[in-house]
Amino acid sequence: MRTYTISQLARAFGLSRSTLLYYDRIGLLRAPERTSSGYRVYTGVEYDRLARISMFRGAGMALADVQVLLDSGEAPGVKILERHLKELEAEILSLRQRQHTIIGILKTMPGGAPAPVVDKKMWVTMLEAAGMDEAAMAVWHAEFEERAPESHFEFLLSLGISREEAEKIQAWSHENCKKGIQARGPEGEDRA
């Protein structure tokens, strides 16, 4: 069985030796053996565990959550990953809203030429250019709502649509899932 020194393991994952010592101290990654001189010796099991630790850390997971993910059954792990995904979605939405704000500010400044961003107007224009009419857009929204309502709502918000308008579109789309698709959006509004 192949073994690794702490330096070899650190180098393999692009980590510092002190990081692995910290992982050892908190019980996240322990060396199962030591040499007669007291040096840590890691096996393929620890190598694989460190690969998973690195994957979770790369996804932005906190060390405490990584510990639970590695040491518990699937049910707690799924809940932690779902919670982290929701946190990431909220962060992405917040960043997208900041982006729209900055673009709006740039538009008012002389010489401000912001990079194009996909907003409601651009999205509708792209759908129309792809040959989608009002009825096809209604079908698109209803399908999105039926398959992934939370993602549909977050997508609408990412287009710079207000929460109120996004909620109306979502409610309208949900209703259309039940009774069939109509050609116009809520209260006759154009949809994204």
C-alpha atoms as a PDB file:
ATOM      1  CA  MET A   1       0.000   0.000   0.000  1.00  0.00           C
ATOM      2  CA  ARG A   2       1.318   3.428  -0.953  1.00  0.00           C
ATOM      3  CA  THR A   3       2.081   5.857   1.867  1.00  0.00           C
ATOM      4  CA  TYR A   4       2.608   9.616   1.906  1.00  0.00           C
ATOM      5  CA  THR A   5       4.504  12.022   4.085  1.00  0.00           C
ATOM      6  CA  ILE A   6       2.763  15.195   5.156  1.00  0.00           C
ATOM      7  CA  SER A   7       4.796  17.168   2.581  1.00  0.00           C
ATOM      8  CA  GLN A   8       3.878  14.773  -0.242  1.00  0.00           C
ATOM      9  CA  LEU A   9       0.207  14.925   0.668  1.00  0.00           C
ATOM     10  CA  ALA A  10       0.275  18.719   0.947  1.00  0.00           C
ATOM     11  CA  ARG A  11       2.023  19.042  -2.422  1.00  0.00           C
ATOM     12  CA  ALA A  12      -0.442  16.639  -4.099  1.00  0.00           C
ATOM     13  CA  PHE A  13      -3.364  18.882  -3.135  1.00  0.00           C
ATOM     14  CA  GLY A  14      -1.684  22.271  -3.301  1.00  0.00           C
ATOM     15  CA  LEU A  15      -1.998  22.811   0.449  1.00  0.00           C
ATOM     16  CA  SER A  16       0.468  23.958   3.027  1.00  0.00           C
ATOM     17  CA  ARG A  17       1.941  21.633   5.600  1.00  0.00           C
ATOM     18  CA  SER A  18       0.438  23.848   8.313  1.00  0.00           C
ATOM     19  CA  THR A  19      -3.034  23.308   6.828  1.00  0.00           C
ATOM     20  CA  LEU A  20      -2.646  19.548   7.188  1.00  0.00           C
ATOM     21  CA  LEU A  21      -1.343  19.963  10.733  1.00  0.00           C
ATOM     22  CA  TYR A  22      -4.427  22.062  11.483  1.00  0.00           C
ATOM     23  CA  TYR A  23      -6.686  19.404   9.952  1.00  0.00           C
ATOM     24  CA  ASP A  24      -4.973  16.869  12.220  1.00  0.00           C
ATOM     25  CA  ARG A  25      -5.428  19.073  15.285  1.00  0.00           C
ATOM     26  CA  ILE A  26      -9.196  19.473  14.690  1.00  0.00           C
ATOM     27  CA  GLY A  27      -9.635  15.782  13.841  1.00  0.00           C
ATOM     28  CA  LEU A  28     -10.542  16.296  10.197  1.00  0.00           C
ATOM     29  CA  LEU A  29      -7.590  14.343   8.772  1.00  0.00           C
ATOM     30  CA  ARG A  30      -5.439  12.232  11.065  1.00  0.00           C
ATOM     31  CA  ALA A  31      -2.352  10.266  10.160  1.00  0.00           C
ATOM     32  CA  PRO A  32      -2.962   6.651  11.180  1.00  0.00           C
ATOM     33  CA  GLU A  33       0.725   5.929  11.657  1.00  0.00           C
ATOM     34  CA  ARG A  34       3.979   7.568  12.616  1.00  0.00           C
ATOM     35  CA  THR A  35       7.516   6.602  11.801  1.00  0.00           C
ATOM     36  CA  SER A  36       9.975   5.703  14.553  1.00  0.00           C
ATOM     37  CA  SER A  37      11.154   9.342  14.333  1.00  0.00           C
ATOM     38  CA  GLY A  38       7.601  10.600  14.927  1.00  0.00           C
ATOM     39  CA  TYR A  39       6.792  11.709  11.357  1.00  0.00           C
ATOM     40  CA  ARG A  40       3.190  11.319  10.200  1.00  0.00           C
ATOM     41  CA  VAL A  41       2.478   8.649   7.590  1.00  0.00           C
ATOM     42  CA  TYR A  42      -0.694   8.781   5.500  1.00  0.00           C
ATOM     43  CA  THR A  43      -2.242   6.008   3.423  1.00  0.00           C
ATOM     44  CA  GLY A  44      -4.521   5.937   0.393  1.00  0.00           C
ATOM     45  CA  VAL A  45      -7.516   6.194   2.743  1.00  0.00           C
ATOM     46  CA  GLU A  46      -6.337   9.581   4.011  1.00  0.00           C
ATOM     47  CA  TYR A  47      -5.429  10.612   0.469  1.00  0.00           C
ATOM     48  CA  ASP A  48      -9.016   9.891  -0.638  1.00  0.00           C
ATOM     49  CA  ARG A  49     -10.414  11.675   2.414  1.00  0.00           C
ATOM     50  CA  LEU A  50      -8.279  14.730   1.651  1.00  0.00           C
ATOM     51  CA  ALA A  51      -9.554  14.656  -1.939  1.00  0.00           C
ATOM     52  CA  ARG A  52     -13.116  14.890  -0.596  1.00  0.00           C
ATOM     53  CA  ILE A  53     -12.121  17.606   1.894  1.00  0.00           C
ATOM     54  CA  SER A  54     -10.556  19.589  -0.948  1.00  0.00           C
ATOM     55  CA  MET A  55     -13.652  19.139  -3.106  1.00  0.00           C
ATOM     56  CA  PHE A  56     -15.963  20.409  -0.342  1.00  0.00           C
ATOM     57  CA  ARG A  57     -13.619  23.291   0.503  1.00  0.00           C
ATOM     58  CA  GLY A  58     -13.455  24.175  -3.190  1.00  0.00           C
ATOM     59  CA  ALA A  59     -17.248  24.452  -3.091  1.00  0.00           C
ATOM     60  CA  GLY A  60     -16.919  26.939  -0.238  1.00  0.00           C
ATOM     61  CA  MET A  61     -17.991  24.618   2.566  1.00  0.00           C
ATOM     62  CA  ALA A  62     -17.000  25.477   6.141  1.00  0.00           C
ATOM     63  CA  LEU A  63     -14.680  23.010   7.881  1.00  0.00           C
ATOM     64  CA  ALA A  64     -17.358  22.172  10.466  1.00  0.00           C
ATOM     65  CA  ASP A  65     -19.763  21.222   7.660  1.00  0.00           C
ATOM     66  CA  VAL A  66     -17.034  19.228   5.900  1.00  0.00           C
ATOM     67  CA  GLN A  67     -16.479  17.272   9.125  1.00  0.00           C
ATOM     68  CA  VAL A  68     -20.186  16.418   9.352  1.00  0.00           C
ATOM     69  CA  LEU A  69     -20.359  15.526   5.654  1.00  0.00           C
ATOM     70  CA  LEU A  70     -17.449  13.110   5.983  1.00  0.00           C
ATOM     71  CA  ASP A  71     -18.373  11.561   9.309  1.00  0.00           C
ATOM     72  CA  SER A  72     -22.162  11.226   9.172  1.00  0.00           C
ATOM     73  CA  GLY A  73     -24.699   9.425   7.076  1.00  0.00           C
ATOM     74  CA  GLU A  74     -26.245  10.731   3.900  1.00  0.00           C
ATOM     75  CA  ALA A  75     -29.314  12.416   5.448  1.00  0.00           C
ATOM     76  CA  PRO A  76     -27.372  15.087   7.387  1.00  0.00           C
ATOM     77  CA  GLY A  77     -25.046  15.502   4.413  1.00  0.00           C
ATOM     78  CA  VAL A  78     -27.910  16.165   2.020  1.00  0.00           C
ATOM     79  CA  LYS A  79     -29.355  18.788   4.368  1.00  0.00           C
ATOM     80  CA  ILE A  80     -25.987  20.533   4.696  1.00  0.00           C
ATOM     81  CA  LEU A  81     -25.450  20.553   0.932  1.00  0.00           C
ATOM     82  CA  GLU A  82     -28.987  21.824   0.307  1.00  0.00           C
ATOM     83  CA  ARG A  83     -28.475  24.592   2.872  1.00  0.00           C
ATOM     84  CA  HIS A  84     -25.164  25.544   1.274  1.00  0.00           C
ATOM     85  CA  LEU A  85     -26.771  25.567  -2.172  1.00  0.00           C
ATOM     86  CA  LYS A  86     -29.481  27.950  -0.931  1.00  0.00           C
ATOM     87  CA  GLU A  87     -26.804  30.203   0.570  1.00  0.00           C
ATOM     88  CA  LEU A  88     -24.939  30.219  -2.749  1.00  0.00           C
ATOM     89  CA  GLU A  89     -28.137  30.989  -4.670  1.00  0.00           C
ATOM     90  CA  ALA A  90     -28.857  33.926  -2.340  1.00  0.00           C
ATOM     91  CA  GLU A  91     -25.292  35.185  -2.752  1.00  0.00           C
ATOM     92  CA  ILE A  92     -25.517  34.913  -6.549  1.00  0.00           C
ATOM     93  CA  LEU A  93     -28.819  36.787  -6.523  1.00  0.00           C
ATOM     94  CA  SER A  94     -27.333  39.503  -4.318  1.00  0.00           C
ATOM     95  CA  LEU A  95     -24.346  39.852  -6.647  1.00  0.00           C
ATOM     96  CA  ARG A  96     -26.637  39.994  -9.687  1.00  0.00           C
ATOM     97  CA  GLN A  97     -28.695  42.762  -8.042  1.00  0.00           C
ATOM     98  CA  ARG A  98     -25.505  44.707  -7.287  1.00  0.00           C
ATOM     99  CA  GLN A  99     -24.456  44.221 -10.887  1.00  0.00           C
ATOM    100  CA  HIS A 100     -27.754  45.687 -12.125  1.00  0.00           C
ATOM    101  CA  THR A 101     -27.354  48.637  -9.739  1.00  0.00           C
ATOM    102  CA  ILE A 102     -23.842  49.403 -10.969  1.00  0.00           C
ATOM    103  CA  ILE A 103     -24.935  49.086 -14.595  1.00  0.00           C
ATOM    104  CA  GLY A 104     -27.777  51.513 -13.891  1.00  0.00           C
ATOM    105  CA  ILE A 105     -25.326  53.978 -12.345  1.00  0.00           C
ATOM    106  CA  LEU A 106     -22.912  53.617 -15.263  1.00  0.00           C
ATOM    107  CA  LYS A 107     -25.700  54.372 -17.734  1.00  0.00           C
ATOM    108  CA  THR A 108     -26.242  57.755 -16.078  1.00  0.00           C
ATOM    109  CA  MET A 109     -22.563  58.731 -16.164  1.00  0.00           C
ATOM    110  CA  PRO A 110     -20.901  60.373 -19.140  1.00  0.00           C
ATOM    111  CA  GLY A 111     -18.736  57.891 -20.970  1.00  0.00           C
ATOM    112  CA  GLY A 112     -20.147  55.011 -18.957  1.00  0.00           C
ATOM    113  CA  ALA A 113     -20.560  52.117 -21.333  1.00  0.00           C
ATOM    114  CA  PRO A 114     -21.367  49.076 -19.212  1.00  0.00           C
ATOM    115  CA  ALA A 115     -20.892  45.618 -20.561  1.00  0.00           C
ATOM    116  CA  PRO A 116     -24.198  44.137 -21.655  1.00  0.00           C
ATOM    117  CA  VAL A 117     -25.959  42.110 -19.006  1.00  0.00           C
ATOM    118  CA  VAL A 118     -28.930  39.847 -19.480  1.00  0.00           C
ATOM    119  CA  ASP A 119     -31.899  41.718 -18.080  1.00  0.00           C
ATOM    120  CA  LYS A 120     -35.626  41.351 -18.732  1.00  0.00           C
ATOM    121  CA  LYS A 121     -35.550  43.404 -21.940  1.00  0.00           C
ATOM    122  CA  MET A 122     -32.554  41.543 -23.392  1.00  0.00           C
ATOM    123  CA  TRP A 123     -34.013  38.138 -22.410  1.00  0.00           C
ATOM    124  CA  VAL A 124     -37.348  38.843 -24.107  1.00  0.00           C
ATOM    125  CA  THR A 125     -35.532  40.152 -27.196  1.00  0.00           C
ATOM    126  CA  MET A 126     -33.431  36.969 -27.363  1.00  0.00           C
ATOM    127  CA  LEU A 127     -36.503  34.735 -27.009  1.00  0.00           C
ATOM    128  CA  GLU A 128     -38.305  36.676 -29.744  1.00  0.00           C
ATOM    129  CA  ALA A 129     -35.219  36.459 -31.987  1.00  0.00           C
ATOM    130  CA  ALA A 130     -35.277  32.689 -31.437  1.00  0.00           C
ATOM    131  CA  GLY A 131     -38.831  32.656 -32.819  1.00  0.00           C
ATOM    132  CA  MET A 132     -40.788  32.489 -29.569  1.00  0.00           C
ATOM    133  CA  ASP A 133     -44.100  34.335 -29.498  1.00  0.00           C
ATOM    134  CA  GLU A 134     -46.211  35.204 -26.431  1.00  0.00           C
ATOM    135  CA  ALA A 135     -47.770  31.724 -26.301  1.00  0.00           C
ATOM    136  CA  ALA A 136     -44.394  29.979 -26.513  1.00  0.00           C
ATOM    137  CA  MET A 137     -43.004  32.202 -23.738  1.00  0.00           C
ATOM    138  CA  ALA A 138     -46.027  31.318 -21.616  1.00  0.00           C
ATOM    139  CA  VAL A 139     -45.322  27.616 -22.140  1.00  0.00           C
ATOM    140  CA  TRP A 140     -41.662  28.211 -21.253  1.00  0.00           C
ATOM    141  CA  HIS A 141     -42.590  29.928 -17.972  1.00  0.00           C
ATOM    142  CA  ALA A 142     -45.160  27.273 -17.062  1.00  0.00           C
ATOM    143  CA  GLU A 143     -42.655  24.475 -17.690  1.00  0.00           C
ATOM    144  CA  PHE A 144     -39.960  26.241 -15.669  1.00  0.00           C
ATOM    145  CA  GLU A 145     -42.423  26.820 -12.813  1.00  0.00           C
ATOM    146  CA  GLU A 146     -43.614  23.219 -12.822  1.00  0.00           C
ATOM    147  CA  ARG A 147     -40.129  21.688 -12.887  1.00  0.00           C
ATOM    148  CA  ALA A 148     -38.198  24.080 -10.615  1.00  0.00           C
ATOM    149  CA  PRO A 149     -40.298  26.807  -8.962  1.00  0.00           C
ATOM    150  CA  GLU A 150     -37.508  28.148  -6.730  1.00  0.00           C
ATOM    151  CA  SER A 151     -35.065  28.317  -9.624  1.00  0.00           C
ATOM    152  CA  HIS A 152     -37.725  29.979 -11.793  1.00  0.00           C
ATOM    153  CA  PHE A 153     -38.213  32.694  -9.160  1.00  0.00           C
ATOM    154  CA  GLU A 154     -34.467  33.218  -8.741  1.00  0.00           C
ATOM    155  CA  PHE A 155     -34.019  33.389 -12.506  1.00  0.00           C
ATOM    156  CA  LEU A 156     -36.657  36.106 -12.748  1.00  0.00           C
ATOM    157  CA  LEU A 157     -34.951  38.089 -10.000  1.00  0.00           C
ATOM    158  CA  SER A 158     -31.599  37.686 -11.770  1.00  0.00           C
ATOM    159  CA  LEU A 159     -33.086  39.540 -14.742  1.00  0.00           C
ATOM    160  CA  GLY A 160     -33.523  42.589 -12.543  1.00  0.00           C
ATOM    161  CA  ILE A 161     -37.260  42.042 -12.164  1.00  0.00           C
ATOM    162  CA  SER A 162     -38.718  43.253  -8.857  1.00  0.00           C
ATOM    163  CA  ARG A 163     -39.769  40.670  -6.286  1.00  0.00           C
ATOM    164  CA  GLU A 164     -43.375  41.779  -6.685  1.00  0.00           C
ATOM    165  CA  GLU A 165     -43.371  41.302 -10.458  1.00  0.00           C
ATOM    166  CA  ALA A 166     -41.454  37.996 -10.151  1.00  0.00           C
ATOM    167  CA  GLU A 167     -44.056  36.736  -7.656  1.00  0.00           C
ATOM    168  CA  LYS A 168     -46.874  37.708 -10.069  1.00  0.00           C
ATOM    169  CA  ILE A 169     -45.162  35.923 -12.958  1.00  0.00           C
ATOM    170  CA  GLN A 170     -44.527  32.885 -10.797  1.00  0.00           C
ATOM    171  CA  ALA A 171     -48.147  32.754  -9.562  1.00  0.00           C
ATOM    172  CA  TRP A 172     -49.412  33.175 -13.111  1.00  0.00           C
ATOM    173  CA  SER A 173     -47.065  30.450 -14.358  1.00  0.00           C
ATOM    174  CA  HIS A 174     -48.100  28.115 -11.533  1.00  0.00           C
ATOM    175  CA  GLU A 175     -51.759  28.663 -12.353  1.00  0.00           C
ATOM    176  CA  ASN A 176     -51.073  27.939 -16.020  1.00  0.00           C
ATOM    177  CA  CYS A 177     -49.457  24.642 -15.022  1.00  0.00           C
ATOM    178  CA  LYS A 178     -52.853  23.581 -13.656  1.00  0.00           C
ATOM    179  CA  LYS A 179     -55.269  24.913 -16.279  1.00  0.00           C
ATOM    180  CA  GLY A 180     -53.352  25.261 -19.524  1.00  0.00           C
ATOM    181  CA  ILE A 181     -51.333  28.062 -21.036  1.00  0.00           C
ATOM    182  CA  GLN A 182     -52.708  31.542 -21.845  1.00  0.00           C
ATOM    183  CA  ALA A 183     -51.159  34.001 -24.235  1.00  0.00           C
ATOM    184  CA  ARG A 184     -50.699  36.985 -21.879  1.00  0.00           C
ATOM    185  CA  GLY A 185     -48.943  37.372 -18.563  1.00  0.00           C
ATOM    186  CA  PRO A 186     -50.457  38.507 -15.240  1.00  0.00           C
ATOM    187  CA  GLU A 187     -52.625  41.610 -15.622  1.00  0.00           C
ATOM    188  CA  GLY A 188     -51.669  41.797 -19.286  1.00  0.00           C
ATOM    189  CA  GLU A 189     -47.971  42.435 -18.497  1.00  0.00           C
ATOM    190  CA  ASP A 190     -45.290  41.326 -20.884  1.00  0.00           C
ATOM    191  CA  ARG A 191     -43.362  38.468 -19.336  1.00  0.00           C
ATOM    192  CA  ALA A 192     -39.654  37.946 -19.178  1.00  0.00           C
END
